């Protein structure tokens, strides 16, 4: 196998697929990138046996002959690090023989150990699949609004993924770690229905691949896998989490009677300052609500205290005192793009519903905590 390609063309795709490769592998082959040349196209594949990314790059036919076709696997991190260290205008030549891949670039030569391509895991085959299209921009925004709530490590394995649900004229993505929840919805006309849990790693890698363009992503779903065909160049596949996601509709507070409207940036700044003196582990802050005022306070085991007073729109006569993990509220505020934000509250034992100004599509729910 032999091919030539400019470093500039190769580096970004190589960076995208190498992100899937884990530093520690149970199987040596999973540390490698599958590299194949066929029909004047370079195919690069990386997987951790759960998530797979495939990239297709056209090659100049003048640099190829029929007998240059072939496939092998090259150490992924080393291959990427070599390409990253080279200058932009370099043309990279890769030739494989005798279990070695020779990489030449300018006056530099590298030889890497290869492993047989037949040992590389096959791309999962999908059966009886649900299929739909969504723009990259909309999908990226839905992921951005919800992925921060996905649990990173939880014995309730179904919480370590993001729920994707299609039905009733909308597409919904929901993430929760049991203490907070994010829901992002978008109008979606489709006769298809789906309800699957996408693993956290797949969500993070997909977010890197998506752009803000209106180009459509083709999504294929079956009982065990999901595949995102982003373009002619990139395809990502992932296993799904087999489990029952909580009924998120019942978590959303119903008919809260205390509505607070506040400037997003002002609330973020006040919470950030108050959290400096909160408990290092639980990051608890106390919110005290009175007519047109919100007092944010925090203290720690060293008897240090912080207090912030924020002007808000609240016409109610009922006062309220409630505790929250300040970091959870800040995380929600960080993905809100509107100037004003609304907090909906009921009592000191009920969750807080955070929504954007004049937008009910995105909802953020934070459970209260005792201080």
Protein backbone atom coordinates (compact mmCIF):
# COMPACT_ATOMS: atom_id res chain seq x y z
CA UNK A 1 0.00 0.00 0.00
CA UNK A 2 1.25 3.46 -0.89
CA UNK A 3 -0.25 6.96 -0.92
CA UNK A 4 0.73 10.62 -0.89
CA UNK A 5 -1.25 13.41 0.76
CA UNK A 6 -0.50 16.89 2.04
CA UNK A 7 -0.08 17.28 5.76
CA UNK A 8 -2.74 20.00 5.76
CA UNK A 9 -5.39 17.66 4.30
CA UNK A 10 -4.53 14.79 6.63
CA UNK A 11 -4.08 16.50 10.01
CA UNK A 12 -7.64 17.60 10.88
CA UNK A 13 -9.31 14.28 9.91
CA UNK A 14 -6.61 12.39 11.78
CA UNK A 15 -7.21 14.53 14.87
CA UNK A 16 -10.97 13.90 14.65
CA UNK A 17 -10.73 10.12 14.51
CA UNK A 18 -7.86 9.77 16.98
CA UNK A 19 -10.03 11.34 19.69
CA UNK A 20 -11.91 8.04 19.90
CA UNK A 21 -8.79 6.02 20.74
CA UNK A 22 -8.30 5.39 24.47
CA UNK A 23 -4.87 5.76 26.05
CA UNK A 24 -5.19 2.33 27.68
CA UNK A 25 -6.50 -0.53 25.60
CA UNK A 26 -7.47 -4.10 26.43
CA UNK A 27 -6.69 -5.08 22.82
CA UNK A 28 -3.52 -3.76 21.11
CA UNK A 29 -5.36 -3.38 17.77
CA UNK A 30 -7.67 -0.74 19.31
CA UNK A 31 -4.68 1.58 19.73
CA UNK A 32 -4.27 1.62 15.94
CA UNK A 33 -5.95 3.44 13.07
CA UNK A 34 -7.19 1.31 10.18
CA UNK A 35 -5.68 2.84 7.03
CA UNK A 36 -6.88 1.64 3.64
CA UNK A 37 -6.53 2.86 0.06
CA UNK A 38 -9.20 1.91 -2.45
CA UNK A 39 -10.59 3.55 -5.61
CA UNK A 40 -8.39 6.66 -5.27
CA UNK A 41 -9.70 7.23 -1.74
CA UNK A 42 -7.95 7.06 1.63
CA UNK A 43 -10.12 5.57 4.37
CA UNK A 44 -9.19 6.15 8.03
CA UNK A 45 -11.02 4.35 10.85
CA UNK A 46 -10.60 4.48 14.63
CA UNK A 47 -12.63 2.75 17.33
CA UNK A 48 -12.64 1.84 21.02
CA UNK A 49 -15.06 -1.06 20.29
CA UNK A 50 -17.97 1.16 21.39
CA UNK A 51 -17.64 4.31 19.23
CA UNK A 52 -16.25 4.33 15.70
CA UNK A 53 -15.35 7.23 13.39
CA UNK A 54 -14.59 6.73 9.70
CA UNK A 55 -13.09 9.39 7.44
CA UNK A 56 -12.84 9.28 3.63
CA UNK A 57 -10.27 11.47 1.84
CA UNK A 58 -9.89 11.66 -1.96
CA UNK A 59 -6.36 11.10 -3.28
CA UNK A 60 -4.83 12.49 -6.45
CA UNK A 61 -5.02 9.67 -8.97
CA UNK A 62 -1.69 10.70 -10.52
CA UNK A 63 0.09 9.47 -7.40
CA UNK A 64 -1.62 6.07 -7.39
CA UNK A 65 -1.65 2.85 -9.32
CA UNK A 66 -3.97 -0.14 -8.98
CA UNK A 67 -1.42 -2.13 -7.02
CA UNK A 68 -1.18 0.66 -4.44
CA UNK A 69 -4.53 -0.39 -2.98
CA UNK A 70 -4.37 -2.14 0.37
CA UNK A 71 -4.99 -1.78 4.07
CA UNK A 72 -3.16 -1.98 7.37
CA UNK A 73 -3.30 -0.51 10.87
CA UNK A 74 -0.90 2.13 12.21
CA UNK A 75 -0.47 3.28 15.84
CA UNK A 76 -3.00 6.11 16.02
CA UNK A 77 -1.37 8.48 18.51
CA UNK A 78 2.09 8.16 17.01
CA UNK A 79 0.77 8.70 13.49
CA UNK A 80 -1.11 11.83 14.61
CA UNK A 81 1.83 13.18 16.65
CA UNK A 82 4.15 12.75 13.67
CA UNK A 83 1.79 14.60 11.34
CA UNK A 84 1.21 17.34 13.94
CA UNK A 85 4.94 17.97 14.32
CA UNK A 86 5.55 18.51 10.59
CA UNK A 87 5.34 21.85 8.76
CA UNK A 88 2.21 22.74 6.77
CA UNK A 89 3.48 22.42 3.21
CA UNK A 90 4.88 18.92 3.65
CA UNK A 91 3.59 16.07 1.50
CA UNK A 92 3.38 12.83 3.46
CA UNK A 93 4.19 9.52 1.79
CA UNK A 94 3.11 6.30 3.48
CA UNK A 95 4.30 2.89 2.31
CA UNK A 96 3.67 -0.40 4.10
CA UNK A 97 5.57 -3.66 3.82
CA UNK A 98 7.05 -6.29 6.17
CA UNK A 99 4.83 -5.21 9.11
CA UNK A 100 6.25 -1.70 8.98
CA UNK A 101 4.78 1.59 7.75
CA UNK A 102 7.33 4.04 6.40
CA UNK A 103 6.29 7.68 6.62
CA UNK A 104 8.37 10.19 4.65
CA UNK A 105 7.90 13.94 4.88
CA UNK A 106 10.54 16.27 3.52
CA UNK A 107 13.86 15.11 4.98
CA UNK A 108 12.19 13.16 7.80
CA UNK A 109 11.56 9.41 7.82
CA UNK A 110 9.61 7.42 10.40
CA UNK A 111 8.98 3.70 10.62
CA UNK A 112 6.03 2.43 12.64
CA UNK A 113 5.04 -1.11 13.59
CA UNK A 114 1.78 -2.22 11.97
CA UNK A 115 -0.81 -4.84 12.91
CA UNK A 116 -2.91 -6.87 10.44
CA UNK A 117 -6.03 -5.11 9.15
CA UNK A 118 -8.08 -8.30 9.44
CA UNK A 119 -7.77 -8.07 13.25
CA UNK A 120 -9.43 -4.65 13.30
CA UNK A 121 -13.10 -4.70 14.51
CA UNK A 122 -15.64 -4.60 11.70
CA UNK A 123 -18.01 -1.67 11.29
CA UNK A 124 -21.33 -2.67 12.93
CA UNK A 125 -24.09 -3.72 10.55
CA UNK A 126 -27.48 -2.18 11.19
CA UNK A 127 -30.85 -3.85 10.65
CA UNK A 128 -34.45 -2.59 10.62
CA UNK A 129 -33.27 0.94 11.10
CA UNK A 130 -35.09 4.19 11.75
CA UNK A 131 -33.80 6.97 9.51
CA UNK A 132 -34.12 10.75 9.68
CA UNK A 133 -32.26 13.94 8.73
CA UNK A 134 -31.45 16.98 10.85
CA UNK A 135 -29.22 19.98 10.19
CA UNK A 136 -25.76 19.99 11.76
CA UNK A 137 -26.46 23.36 13.35
CA UNK A 138 -29.64 22.19 15.10
CA UNK A 139 -28.13 18.90 16.27
CA UNK A 140 -25.01 20.64 17.59
CA UNK A 141 -27.14 23.14 19.51
CA UNK A 142 -29.28 20.38 21.05
CA UNK A 143 -26.15 18.54 22.20
CA UNK A 144 -24.61 21.75 23.59
CA UNK A 145 -27.69 22.50 25.67
CA UNK A 146 -27.89 19.05 27.28
CA UNK A 147 -24.59 17.13 27.29
CA UNK A 148 -23.22 18.90 30.40
CA UNK A 149 -25.87 17.19 32.54
CA UNK A 150 -24.92 13.63 31.57
CA UNK A 151 -23.46 11.63 34.47
CA UNK A 152 -19.77 10.85 34.07
CA UNK A 153 -19.65 7.85 36.38
CA UNK A 154 -22.78 6.34 37.88
CA UNK A 155 -23.89 2.83 38.80
CA UNK A 156 -27.16 3.76 37.09
CA UNK A 157 -25.51 3.22 33.70
CA UNK A 158 -28.50 4.63 31.79
CA UNK A 159 -27.66 8.07 33.24
CA UNK A 160 -24.22 8.01 31.58
CA UNK A 161 -25.87 8.63 28.23
CA UNK A 162 -28.05 11.21 26.51
CA UNK A 163 -31.66 10.37 25.67
CA UNK A 164 -32.72 11.02 22.07
CA UNK A 165 -36.47 10.90 21.55
CA UNK A 166 -38.50 11.57 18.41
CA UNK A 167 -42.28 11.89 18.40
CA UNK A 168 -45.21 14.29 18.63
CA UNK A 169 -43.68 16.65 16.08
CA UNK A 170 -40.41 17.27 17.88
CA UNK A 171 -36.97 15.88 18.59
CA UNK A 172 -35.91 15.95 22.24
CA UNK A 173 -32.52 15.43 23.86
CA UNK A 174 -32.41 14.92 27.62
CA UNK A 175 -29.47 14.60 29.99
CA UNK A 176 -29.52 14.05 33.75
CA UNK A 177 -27.21 12.89 36.53
CA UNK A 178 -29.98 12.51 39.10
CA UNK A 179 -29.37 15.94 40.65
CA UNK A 180 -30.17 18.13 37.65
CA UNK A 181 -31.63 17.75 34.19
CA UNK A 182 -31.43 19.52 30.83
CA UNK A 183 -34.07 19.20 28.11
CA UNK A 184 -33.64 20.64 24.61
CA UNK A 185 -36.37 20.31 22.00
CA UNK A 186 -36.74 21.29 18.36
CA UNK A 187 -39.72 21.14 16.01
CA UNK A 188 -39.27 18.09 13.85
CA UNK A 189 -41.72 16.82 11.26
CA UNK A 190 -41.14 13.12 10.78
CA UNK A 191 -43.26 9.98 10.63
CA UNK A 192 -40.43 8.13 12.39
CA UNK A 193 -40.29 7.51 16.14
CA UNK A 194 -37.27 6.68 18.26
CA UNK A 195 -36.20 6.56 21.90
CA UNK A 196 -32.55 5.63 22.49
CA UNK A 197 -29.71 6.44 24.90
CA UNK A 198 -26.45 7.61 23.30
CA UNK A 199 -23.27 7.05 25.39
CA UNK A 200 -21.55 10.14 26.75
CA UNK A 201 -18.34 9.53 24.80
CA UNK A 202 -20.25 9.31 21.51
CA UNK A 203 -22.00 12.60 22.35
CA UNK A 204 -18.69 14.36 23.02
CA UNK A 205 -17.02 13.04 19.85
CA UNK A 206 -20.06 13.89 17.73
CA UNK A 207 -20.03 17.45 19.08
CA UNK A 208 -16.47 17.85 17.77
CA UNK A 209 -17.44 16.66 14.30
CA UNK A 210 -20.52 18.86 13.88
CA UNK A 211 -20.36 22.36 12.37
CA UNK A 212 -22.72 25.33 12.51
CA UNK A 213 -23.79 24.83 8.90
CA UNK A 214 -27.25 23.91 7.63
CA UNK A 215 -25.85 20.78 6.00
CA UNK A 216 -27.98 17.82 6.97
CA UNK A 217 -26.84 14.84 9.01
CA UNK A 218 -28.36 11.49 8.12
CA UNK A 219 -29.10 9.56 11.33
CA UNK A 220 -29.70 5.81 11.32
CA UNK A 221 -30.93 4.02 14.44
CA UNK A 222 -31.62 0.36 15.21
CA UNK A 223 -32.01 -1.56 18.46
CA UNK A 224 -28.30 -1.59 19.29
CA UNK A 225 -26.52 1.11 17.28
CA UNK A 226 -26.78 4.67 16.02
CA UNK A 227 -24.94 6.07 13.01
CA UNK A 228 -24.40 9.68 11.99
CA UNK A 229 -23.49 10.27 8.34
CA UNK A 230 -22.25 13.84 8.53
CA UNK A 231 -20.96 14.17 4.97
CA UNK A 232 -19.13 12.24 2.29
CA UNK A 233 -16.06 12.57 4.52
CA UNK A 234 -17.21 11.60 8.04
CA UNK A 235 -19.34 8.80 9.49
CA UNK A 236 -19.65 8.08 13.22
CA UNK A 237 -21.21 4.95 14.71
CA UNK A 238 -21.85 4.04 18.32
CA UNK A 239 -23.39 1.31 20.40
CA UNK A 240 -26.47 2.37 22.36
CA UNK A 241 -26.96 2.05 26.12
CA UNK A 242 -29.49 -0.66 26.90
CA UNK A 243 -31.62 0.64 29.75
CA UNK A 244 -34.78 2.49 30.75
CA UNK A 245 -34.25 6.24 30.92
CA UNK A 246 -36.30 8.01 33.65
CA UNK A 247 -39.61 9.59 32.58
CA UNK A 248 -38.28 13.12 32.21
CA UNK A 249 -41.72 14.68 31.77
CA UNK A 250 -42.57 13.97 35.43
CA UNK A 251 -39.38 15.72 36.62
CA UNK A 252 -40.34 19.10 35.15
CA UNK A 253 -42.00 21.22 37.90
CA UNK A 254 -45.71 21.72 37.25
CA UNK A 255 -47.33 25.13 37.85
CA UNK A 256 -44.61 26.80 39.97
CA UNK A 257 -46.05 29.99 41.47
CA UNK A 258 -42.92 32.12 41.95
CA UNK A 259 -41.52 33.53 38.70
CA UNK A 260 -38.25 35.41 38.82
CA UNK A 261 -36.78 37.21 35.79
CA UNK A 262 -33.16 38.33 36.02
CA UNK A 263 -30.36 39.40 33.72
CA UNK A 264 -28.36 36.28 32.81
CA UNK A 265 -24.88 37.82 33.02
CA UNK A 266 -25.65 39.55 36.32
CA UNK A 267 -26.85 36.31 37.93
CA UNK A 268 -23.81 34.42 36.61
CA UNK A 269 -21.38 36.97 38.03
CA UNK A 270 -23.08 37.05 41.42
CA UNK A 271 -23.24 33.24 41.69
CA UNK A 272 -19.60 32.91 40.64
CA UNK A 273 -18.44 35.34 43.34
CA UNK A 274 -20.60 33.85 46.08
CA UNK A 275 -19.49 30.30 45.23
CA UNK A 276 -15.87 31.20 46.04
CA UNK A 277 -16.68 30.91 49.75
CA UNK A 278 -19.08 27.97 49.48
CA UNK A 279 -18.31 24.47 50.74
CA UNK A 280 -15.57 23.07 48.49
CA UNK A 281 -17.30 19.71 48.05
CA UNK A 282 -20.98 20.58 47.76
CA UNK A 283 -20.76 24.18 46.44
CA UNK A 284 -23.96 25.05 48.29
CA UNK A 285 -25.46 28.54 47.95
CA UNK A 286 -28.56 29.93 49.63
CA UNK A 287 -31.11 31.95 47.62
CA UNK A 288 -33.45 34.30 49.49
CA UNK A 289 -36.24 35.77 47.43
CA UNK A 290 -38.18 38.90 48.34
CA UNK A 291 -39.97 41.59 46.32
CA UNK A 292 -37.70 42.45 43.37
CA UNK A 293 -34.60 41.24 45.22
CA UNK A 294 -32.64 38.00 45.21
CA UNK A 295 -30.00 37.55 47.91
CA UNK A 296 -27.33 34.93 47.23
CA UNK A 297 -25.25 33.83 50.18
CA UNK A 298 -22.66 31.17 50.91
CA UNK A 299 -20.46 30.12 53.79
CA UNK A 300 -17.95 27.40 54.54
CA UNK A 301 -16.52 25.43 57.45
CA UNK A 302 -14.08 28.27 58.24
CA UNK A 303 -17.00 30.61 59.03
CA UNK A 304 -16.20 32.66 55.93
CA UNK A 305 -19.26 34.19 54.27
CA UNK A 306 -20.26 35.86 51.01
CA UNK A 307 -23.44 37.75 50.16
CA UNK A 308 -24.64 39.13 46.84
CA UNK A 309 -27.83 41.14 46.29
CA UNK A 310 -29.29 41.05 42.78
CA UNK A 311 -32.19 43.11 41.49
CA UNK A 312 -34.81 40.91 39.82
CA UNK A 313 -38.34 41.08 38.50
CA UNK A 314 -40.50 39.40 41.13
CA UNK A 315 -43.83 40.89 42.03
CA UNK A 316 -44.91 38.20 44.48
CA UNK A 317 -45.40 38.91 48.16
CA UNK A 318 -44.28 35.46 49.34
CA UNK A 319 -40.68 35.26 50.45
CA UNK A 320 -38.64 32.11 49.88
CA UNK A 321 -35.38 30.67 51.12
CA UNK A 322 -33.86 27.69 49.31
CA UNK A 323 -30.46 26.05 48.84
CA UNK A 324 -28.82 24.80 45.63
CA UNK A 325 -25.52 23.57 44.32
CA UNK A 326 -24.26 26.81 42.78
CA UNK A 327 -22.22 25.00 40.14
CA UNK A 328 -25.34 23.29 38.77
CA UNK A 329 -27.10 26.63 38.27
CA UNK A 330 -23.98 28.16 36.70
CA UNK A 331 -23.66 25.25 34.28
CA UNK A 332 -27.21 25.91 33.08
CA UNK A 333 -26.63 29.65 32.80
CA UNK A 334 -23.48 29.05 30.74
CA UNK A 335 -25.48 27.44 27.90
CA UNK A 336 -28.26 30.07 27.94
CA UNK A 337 -27.86 32.56 25.11
CA UNK A 338 -30.64 35.05 25.95
CA UNK A 339 -30.10 38.30 27.82
CA UNK A 340 -32.72 37.48 30.47
CA UNK A 341 -33.39 34.19 32.22
CA UNK A 342 -36.44 32.99 34.15
CA UNK A 343 -36.34 31.00 37.41
CA UNK A 344 -39.57 29.25 38.39
CA UNK A 345 -39.87 28.17 42.03
CA UNK A 346 -42.54 26.75 44.33
CA UNK A 347 -41.16 26.12 47.82
CA UNK A 348 -37.93 25.24 49.62
CA UNK A 349 -38.34 21.52 48.86
CA UNK A 350 -39.11 21.79 45.14
CA UNK A 351 -36.83 21.93 42.10
CA UNK A 352 -35.98 25.13 40.27
CA UNK A 353 -37.00 25.37 36.60
CA UNK A 354 -34.66 27.57 34.55
CA UNK A 355 -35.76 28.70 31.09
CA UNK A 356 -34.57 31.15 28.49
CA UNK A 357 -36.42 34.38 27.82
CA UNK A 358 -39.42 33.71 25.54
CA UNK A 359 -38.25 30.17 24.79
CA UNK A 360 -39.81 27.07 26.28
CA UNK A 361 -37.84 24.64 24.10
CA UNK A 362 -34.88 24.53 26.49
CA UNK A 363 -35.46 23.66 30.13
CA UNK A 364 -33.02 23.18 32.99
CA UNK A 365 -34.09 21.65 36.29
CA UNK A 366 -31.96 21.77 39.45
CA UNK A 367 -32.84 19.84 42.61
CA UNK A 368 -32.67 21.76 45.91
CA UNK A 369 -30.21 20.89 48.67
CA UNK A 370 -30.30 21.33 52.42
CA UNK A 371 -27.72 23.75 53.82
